[in-house]
Amino acid sequence: MNLVQFFWQGDAVARGVSLVLLAMSVSSWVLILWKSWLLQRAQGEVLRSVAAFWQSQTVDEAIQKMTAFDRQRLVMPLVRASQVQASTTLAGAGGRAMQLTRVLRSALHQAFVKLEYGQVLLATVGATAPFVGLLGTVWGIYHALLGIASAGQVTIDKISGPVGESLIMTAAGLAVAIPAVLAYNILGRVVARLEAELEGFARDLRELGNA
């Protein structure tokens, strides 16, 4: 029996569980492929943008060079934030050093939001997909046992077939969860490296602005 026949032979709960697992799998794989491509680009852009900044004579020259490199706008907001002027409002009450720290922290937060986008989805799929599959398995075994009880005669072939088909749900849940967990860990390490690079650059900008 193929998967299509297995799907249509199930009841509403079994079909619902199958559709949920399918949606989890599709969404996680789309996110994995898209984010892998995005982070690969971001790594090169951040390194080139930072190098272009320190090789420039002025901040205006650096911004002009970085426009071609920083397509994800991860580094440019930090540079622009470092050019903040002294304010007479409460935002500048602590002096330029505190004001610079505040605006750089805000720019870093926006960059981190971009880098960490989708990580919650991968973590959620990795944590819940096995239990969704287990729910389908338990429900399938329950109906299989009801069918065996109504038949009045219990044999190995009548037990192994329905129970084996129900266990497919457990395997499906694991097949959905494992790639999501691996991607979450691998992509998370890349994100952590980029965040460390941006934090270091922000500290350098703060020291440069206070010099």
C-alpha atoms as a PDB file:
ATOM      1  CA  MET A   1       0.000   0.000   0.000  1.00  0.00           C
ATOM      2  CA  ASN A   2       1.421   3.367  -0.984  1.00  0.00           C
ATOM      3  CA  LEU A   3       1.195   6.576   1.001  1.00  0.00           C
ATOM      4  CA  VAL A   4      -1.777   7.898  -0.981  1.00  0.00           C
ATOM      5  CA  GLN A   5      -3.834   4.804  -0.212  1.00  0.00           C
ATOM      6  CA  PHE A   6      -2.714   4.964   3.421  1.00  0.00           C
ATOM      7  CA  PHE A   7      -3.898   8.585   3.600  1.00  0.00           C
ATOM      8  CA  TRP A   8      -7.345   7.977   2.122  1.00  0.00           C
ATOM      9  CA  GLN A   9      -7.976   4.843   4.191  1.00  0.00           C
ATOM     10  CA  GLY A  10      -7.488   6.783   7.428  1.00  0.00           C
ATOM     11  CA  ASP A  11     -10.196   8.649   9.289  1.00  0.00           C
ATOM     12  CA  ALA A  12     -10.394  12.418   9.841  1.00  0.00           C
ATOM     13  CA  VAL A  13      -7.896  12.413  12.715  1.00  0.00           C
ATOM     14  CA  ALA A  14      -5.319  10.368  10.794  1.00  0.00           C
ATOM     15  CA  ARG A  15      -5.675  12.600   7.743  1.00  0.00           C
ATOM     16  CA  GLY A  16      -5.396  15.705   9.906  1.00  0.00           C
ATOM     17  CA  VAL A  17      -2.198  14.438  11.514  1.00  0.00           C
ATOM     18  CA  SER A  18      -0.769  13.603   8.086  1.00  0.00           C
ATOM     19  CA  LEU A  19      -1.580  17.064   6.757  1.00  0.00           C
ATOM     20  CA  VAL A  20      -0.035  18.738   9.819  1.00  0.00           C
ATOM     21  CA  LEU A  21       3.178  16.738   9.376  1.00  0.00           C
ATOM     22  CA  LEU A  22       3.220  17.567   5.668  1.00  0.00           C
ATOM     23  CA  ALA A  23       2.788  21.287   6.407  1.00  0.00           C
ATOM     24  CA  MET A  24       5.568  21.130   9.004  1.00  0.00           C
ATOM     25  CA  SER A  25       7.898  19.383   6.580  1.00  0.00           C
ATOM     26  CA  VAL A  26       7.257  21.757   3.674  1.00  0.00           C
ATOM     27  CA  SER A  27       7.560  24.897   5.805  1.00  0.00           C
ATOM     28  CA  SER A  28      10.746  23.754   7.505  1.00  0.00           C
ATOM     29  CA  TRP A  29      12.452  22.714   4.249  1.00  0.00           C
ATOM     30  CA  VAL A  30      11.501  25.971   2.534  1.00  0.00           C
ATOM     31  CA  LEU A  31      12.903  27.875   5.497  1.00  0.00           C
ATOM     32  CA  ILE A  32      16.057  25.728   5.622  1.00  0.00           C
ATOM     33  CA  LEU A  33      16.862  26.291   1.950  1.00  0.00           C
ATOM     34  CA  TRP A  34      16.036  30.000   2.026  1.00  0.00           C
ATOM     35  CA  LYS A  35      17.914  30.718   5.240  1.00  0.00           C
ATOM     36  CA  SER A  36      20.963  28.697   4.181  1.00  0.00           C
ATOM     37  CA  TRP A  37      21.202  30.842   1.065  1.00  0.00           C
ATOM     38  CA  LEU A  38      20.597  34.035   3.072  1.00  0.00           C
ATOM     39  CA  LEU A  39      23.230  33.296   5.719  1.00  0.00           C
ATOM     40  CA  GLN A  40      25.777  32.261   3.108  1.00  0.00           C
ATOM     41  CA  ARG A  41      25.368  35.658   1.472  1.00  0.00           C
ATOM     42  CA  ALA A  42      25.325  37.465   4.804  1.00  0.00           C
ATOM     43  CA  GLN A  43      28.665  35.988   5.895  1.00  0.00           C
ATOM     44  CA  GLY A  44      30.436  37.347   2.841  1.00  0.00           C
ATOM     45  CA  GLU A  45      28.635  40.681   2.957  1.00  0.00           C
ATOM     46  CA  VAL A  46      29.467  41.325   6.612  1.00  0.00           C
ATOM     47  CA  LEU A  47      33.155  40.528   6.159  1.00  0.00           C
ATOM     48  CA  ARG A  48      33.465  42.633   2.994  1.00  0.00           C
ATOM     49  CA  SER A  49      31.528  45.533   4.500  1.00  0.00           C
ATOM     50  CA  VAL A  50      33.627  45.632   7.661  1.00  0.00           C
ATOM     51  CA  ALA A  51      36.836  45.447   5.621  1.00  0.00           C
ATOM     52  CA  ALA A  52      35.627  48.227   3.324  1.00  0.00           C
ATOM     53  CA  PHE A  53      34.841  50.432   6.314  1.00  0.00           C
ATOM     54  CA  TRP A  54      38.300  50.187   7.877  1.00  0.00           C
ATOM     55  CA  GLN A  55      40.025  50.652   4.519  1.00  0.00           C
ATOM     56  CA  SER A  56      38.184  53.920   3.854  1.00  0.00           C
ATOM     57  CA  GLN A  57      39.514  57.386   4.605  1.00  0.00           C
ATOM     58  CA  THR A  58      36.215  58.816   5.866  1.00  0.00           C
ATOM     59  CA  VAL A  59      32.863  57.530   7.058  1.00  0.00           C
ATOM     60  CA  ASP A  60      31.130  58.954   3.977  1.00  0.00           C
ATOM     61  CA  GLU A  61      33.541  57.079   1.744  1.00  0.00           C
ATOM     62  CA  ALA A  62      32.949  53.902   3.759  1.00  0.00           C
ATOM     63  CA  ILE A  63      29.178  54.216   3.424  1.00  0.00           C
ATOM     64  CA  GLN A  64      29.529  54.663  -0.333  1.00  0.00           C
ATOM     65  CA  LYS A  65      31.678  51.530  -0.622  1.00  0.00           C
ATOM     66  CA  MET A  66      29.479  49.483   1.691  1.00  0.00           C
ATOM     67  CA  THR A  67      26.336  50.209  -0.319  1.00  0.00           C
ATOM     68  CA  ALA A  68      27.475  47.702  -2.936  1.00  0.00           C
ATOM     69  CA  PHE A  69      28.368  45.031  -0.362  1.00  0.00           C
ATOM     70  CA  ASP A  70      25.794  45.204   2.414  1.00  0.00           C
ATOM     71  CA  ARG A  71      22.653  44.116   0.549  1.00  0.00           C
ATOM     72  CA  GLN A  72      21.088  42.629   3.663  1.00  0.00           C
ATOM     73  CA  ARG A  73      21.623  45.918   5.506  1.00  0.00           C
ATOM     74  CA  LEU A  74      23.277  44.309   8.513  1.00  0.00           C
ATOM     75  CA  VAL A  75      26.332  46.547   8.827  1.00  0.00           C
ATOM     76  CA  MET A  76      25.168  49.826   7.290  1.00  0.00           C
ATOM     77  CA  PRO A  77      22.642  50.643  10.074  1.00  0.00           C
ATOM     78  CA  LEU A  78      25.450  50.352  12.621  1.00  0.00           C
ATOM     79  CA  VAL A  79      27.609  52.851  10.736  1.00  0.00           C
ATOM     80  CA  ARG A  80      24.744  55.281  10.293  1.00  0.00           C
ATOM     81  CA  ALA A  81      23.795  54.937  13.968  1.00  0.00           C
ATOM     82  CA  SER A  82      27.354  55.822  14.987  1.00  0.00           C
ATOM     83  CA  GLN A  83      26.926  59.195  13.284  1.00  0.00           C
ATOM     84  CA  VAL A  84      24.225  60.274  15.718  1.00  0.00           C
ATOM     85  CA  GLN A  85      24.450  63.875  16.791  1.00  0.00           C
ATOM     86  CA  ALA A  86      24.161  65.113  20.366  1.00  0.00           C
ATOM     87  CA  SER A  87      20.551  65.609  21.406  1.00  0.00           C
ATOM     88  CA  THR A  88      18.991  67.943  23.976  1.00  0.00           C
ATOM     89  CA  THR A  89      16.178  65.477  24.701  1.00  0.00           C
ATOM     90  CA  LEU A  90      16.185  62.721  27.310  1.00  0.00           C
ATOM     91  CA  ALA A  91      17.762  60.432  24.702  1.00  0.00           C
ATOM     92  CA  GLY A  92      20.952  62.462  24.989  1.00  0.00           C
ATOM     93  CA  ALA A  93      20.778  63.164  28.713  1.00  0.00           C
ATOM     94  CA  GLY A  94      23.617  60.782  29.506  1.00  0.00           C
ATOM     95  CA  GLY A  95      26.017  62.366  27.062  1.00  0.00           C
ATOM     96  CA  ARG A  96      27.196  61.229  23.660  1.00  0.00           C
ATOM     97  CA  ALA A  97      28.700  57.975  24.963  1.00  0.00           C
ATOM     98  CA  MET A  98      25.402  56.759  26.389  1.00  0.00           C
ATOM     99  CA  GLN A  99      23.451  57.993  23.387  1.00  0.00           C
ATOM    100  CA  LEU A 100      25.843  56.194  21.034  1.00  0.00           C
ATOM    101  CA  THR A 101      25.514  52.996  23.051  1.00  0.00           C
ATOM    102  CA  ARG A 102      21.733  53.229  22.883  1.00  0.00           C
ATOM    103  CA  VAL A 103      21.492  53.716  19.117  1.00  0.00           C
ATOM    104  CA  LEU A 104      24.080  51.023  18.385  1.00  0.00           C
ATOM    105  CA  ARG A 105      22.207  48.594  20.635  1.00  0.00           C
ATOM    106  CA  SER A 106      19.000  49.342  18.748  1.00  0.00           C
ATOM    107  CA  ALA A 107      20.707  48.805  15.368  1.00  0.00           C
ATOM    108  CA  LEU A 108      22.232  45.548  16.611  1.00  0.00           C
ATOM    109  CA  HIS A 109      18.839  44.336  17.786  1.00  0.00           C
ATOM    110  CA  GLN A 110      17.344  44.937  14.339  1.00  0.00           C
ATOM    111  CA  ALA A 111      20.215  43.037  12.706  1.00  0.00           C
ATOM    112  CA  PHE A 112      19.801  40.132  15.137  1.00  0.00           C
ATOM    113  CA  VAL A 113      16.075  39.948  14.365  1.00  0.00           C
ATOM    114  CA  LYS A 114      16.908  39.517  10.671  1.00  0.00           C
ATOM    115  CA  LEU A 115      19.523  36.844  11.350  1.00  0.00           C
ATOM    116  CA  GLU A 116      17.386  34.852  13.791  1.00  0.00           C
ATOM    117  CA  TYR A 117      14.249  34.936  11.661  1.00  0.00           C
ATOM    118  CA  GLY A 118      12.745  31.440  11.348  1.00  0.00           C
ATOM    119  CA  GLN A 119      14.765  29.839  14.146  1.00  0.00           C
ATOM    120  CA  VAL A 120      11.661  29.578  16.329  1.00  0.00           C
ATOM    121  CA  LEU A 121       9.822  27.705  13.582  1.00  0.00           C
ATOM    122  CA  LEU A 122      12.642  25.174  13.194  1.00  0.00           C
ATOM    123  CA  ALA A 123      12.808  24.664  16.955  1.00  0.00           C
ATOM    124  CA  THR A 124       9.041  24.238  17.162  1.00  0.00           C
ATOM    125  CA  VAL A 125       8.931  21.694  14.329  1.00  0.00           C
ATOM    126  CA  GLY A 126      11.853  19.772  15.783  1.00  0.00           C
ATOM    127  CA  ALA A 127      10.253  19.625  19.216  1.00  0.00           C
ATOM    128  CA  THR A 128       6.640  18.866  18.274  1.00  0.00           C
ATOM    129  CA  ALA A 129       6.754  16.774  15.084  1.00  0.00           C
ATOM    130  CA  PRO A 130       7.636  13.493  16.898  1.00  0.00           C
ATOM    131  CA  PHE A 131       4.682  13.954  19.245  1.00  0.00           C
ATOM    132  CA  VAL A 132       2.336  14.742  16.367  1.00  0.00           C
ATOM    133  CA  GLY A 133       3.477  11.537  14.689  1.00  0.00           C
ATOM    134  CA  LEU A 134       3.039   9.640  17.953  1.00  0.00           C
ATOM    135  CA  LEU A 135      -0.514  10.936  18.213  1.00  0.00           C
ATOM    136  CA  GLY A 136      -1.244   9.489  14.769  1.00  0.00           C
ATOM    137  CA  THR A 137       0.334   6.197  15.792  1.00  0.00           C
ATOM    138  CA  VAL A 138      -1.681   5.891  18.998  1.00  0.00           C
ATOM    139  CA  TRP A 139      -4.884   6.768  17.180  1.00  0.00           C
ATOM    140  CA  GLY A 140      -4.155   4.248  14.415  1.00  0.00           C
ATOM    141  CA  ILE A 141      -3.334   1.453  16.860  1.00  0.00           C
ATOM    142  CA  TYR A 142      -6.537   2.211  18.773  1.00  0.00           C
ATOM    143  CA  HIS A 143      -8.625   1.782  15.628  1.00  0.00           C
ATOM    144  CA  ALA A 144      -6.645  -1.309  14.619  1.00  0.00           C
ATOM    145  CA  LEU A 145      -7.376  -2.957  17.961  1.00  0.00           C
ATOM    146  CA  LEU A 146     -11.060  -2.085  17.633  1.00  0.00           C
ATOM    147  CA  GLY A 147     -11.125  -3.741  14.229  1.00  0.00           C
ATOM    148  CA  ILE A 148      -9.381  -6.837  15.558  1.00  0.00           C
ATOM    149  CA  ALA A 149     -11.796  -7.059  18.502  1.00  0.00           C
ATOM    150  CA  SER A 150     -14.815  -6.803  16.244  1.00  0.00           C
ATOM    151  CA  ALA A 151     -13.448  -9.556  13.983  1.00  0.00           C
ATOM    152  CA  GLY A 152     -13.579 -11.979  16.906  1.00  0.00           C
ATOM    153  CA  GLN A 153     -10.432 -13.850  15.861  1.00  0.00           C
ATOM    154  CA  VAL A 154      -6.922 -12.617  16.589  1.00  0.00           C
ATOM    155  CA  THR A 155      -4.036 -13.715  14.363  1.00  0.00           C
ATOM    156  CA  ILE A 156      -0.556 -12.315  13.754  1.00  0.00           C
ATOM    157  CA  ASP A 157      -1.344 -11.154  10.221  1.00  0.00           C
ATOM    158  CA  LYS A 158      -4.394  -9.223  11.434  1.00  0.00           C
ATOM    159  CA  ILE A 159      -2.312  -7.490  14.111  1.00  0.00           C
ATOM    160  CA  SER A 160       0.928  -6.816  12.234  1.00  0.00           C
ATOM    161  CA  GLY A 161      -0.695  -5.136   9.222  1.00  0.00           C
ATOM    162  CA  PRO A 162      -2.769  -2.422  10.939  1.00  0.00           C
ATOM    163  CA  VAL A 163      -0.195  -1.812  13.687  1.00  0.00           C
ATOM    164  CA  GLY A 164       2.634  -1.577  11.179  1.00  0.00           C
ATOM    165  CA  GLU A 165       0.691   0.965   9.138  1.00  0.00           C
ATOM    166  CA  SER A 166       0.056   3.012  12.273  1.00  0.00           C
ATOM    167  CA  LEU A 167       3.766   3.068  13.110  1.00  0.00           C
ATOM    168  CA  ILE A 168       4.335   4.897   9.827  1.00  0.00           C
ATOM    169  CA  MET A 169       3.108   8.012  11.608  1.00  0.00           C
ATOM    170  CA  THR A 170       5.935   7.754  14.153  1.00  0.00           C
ATOM    171  CA  ALA A 171       8.490   7.396  11.387  1.00  0.00           C
ATOM    172  CA  ALA A 172       6.953  10.363   9.570  1.00  0.00           C
ATOM    173  CA  GLY A 173       7.166  12.496  12.702  1.00  0.00           C
ATOM    174  CA  LEU A 174      10.851  11.664  13.115  1.00  0.00           C
ATOM    175  CA  ALA A 175      11.521  12.292   9.417  1.00  0.00           C
ATOM    176  CA  VAL A 176      10.060  15.773   9.812  1.00  0.00           C
ATOM    177  CA  ALA A 177      11.760  16.567  13.119  1.00  0.00           C
ATOM    178  CA  ILE A 178      15.336  15.409  12.459  1.00  0.00           C
ATOM    179  CA  PRO A 179      16.119  17.793   9.541  1.00  0.00           C
ATOM    180  CA  ALA A 180      14.561  20.686  11.469  1.00  0.00           C
ATOM    181  CA  VAL A 181      16.688  19.998  14.566  1.00  0.00           C
ATOM    182  CA  LEU A 182      19.885  19.611  12.534  1.00  0.00           C
ATOM    183  CA  ALA A 183      19.188  22.801  10.595  1.00  0.00           C
ATOM    184  CA  TYR A 184      18.377  24.690  13.804  1.00  0.00           C
ATOM    185  CA  ASN A 185      21.733  23.742  15.326  1.00  0.00           C
ATOM    186  CA  ILE A 186      23.825  24.290  12.186  1.00  0.00           C
ATOM    187  CA  LEU A 187      22.199  27.569  11.189  1.00  0.00           C
ATOM    188  CA  GLY A 188      22.243  28.702  14.811  1.00  0.00           C
ATOM    189  CA  ARG A 189      26.027  28.408  14.880  1.00  0.00           C
ATOM    190  CA  VAL A 190      26.310  30.505  11.730  1.00  0.00           C
ATOM    191  CA  VAL A 191      23.978  33.117  13.218  1.00  0.00           C
ATOM    192  CA  ALA A 192      26.032  33.177  16.425  1.00  0.00           C
ATOM    193  CA  ARG A 193      29.234  33.822  14.477  1.00  0.00           C
ATOM    194  CA  LEU A 194      27.628  36.662  12.541  1.00  0.00           C
ATOM    195  CA  GLU A 195      26.215  38.187  15.712  1.00  0.00           C
ATOM    196  CA  ALA A 196      29.641  38.060  17.351  1.00  0.00           C
ATOM    197  CA  GLU A 197      31.165  39.782  14.312  1.00  0.00           C
ATOM    198  CA  LEU A 198      28.530  42.520  14.384  1.00  0.00           C
ATOM    199  CA  GLU A 199      28.888  43.009  18.149  1.00  0.00           C
ATOM    200  CA  GLY A 200      32.644  43.391  17.777  1.00  0.00           C
ATOM    201  CA  PHE A 201      32.194  45.918  14.981  1.00  0.00           C
ATOM    202  CA  ALA A 202      29.657  47.848  17.074  1.00  0.00           C
ATOM    203  CA  ARG A 203      32.128  48.036  19.973  1.00  0.00           C
ATOM    204  CA  ASP A 204      34.786  49.347  17.608  1.00  0.00           C
ATOM    205  CA  LEU A 205      32.370  51.975  16.297  1.00  0.00           C
ATOM    206  CA  ARG A 206      31.532  53.034  19.834  1.00  0.00           C
ATOM    207  CA  GLU A 207      35.205  53.468  20.709  1.00  0.00           C
ATOM    208  CA  LEU A 208      35.774  55.336  17.459  1.00  0.00           C
ATOM    209  CA  GLY A 209      32.843  57.658  18.174  1.00  0.00           C
ATOM    210  CA  ASN A 210      34.101  58.419  21.668  1.00  0.00           C
ATOM    211  CA  ALA A 211      37.674  59.034  20.565  1.00  0.00           C
END
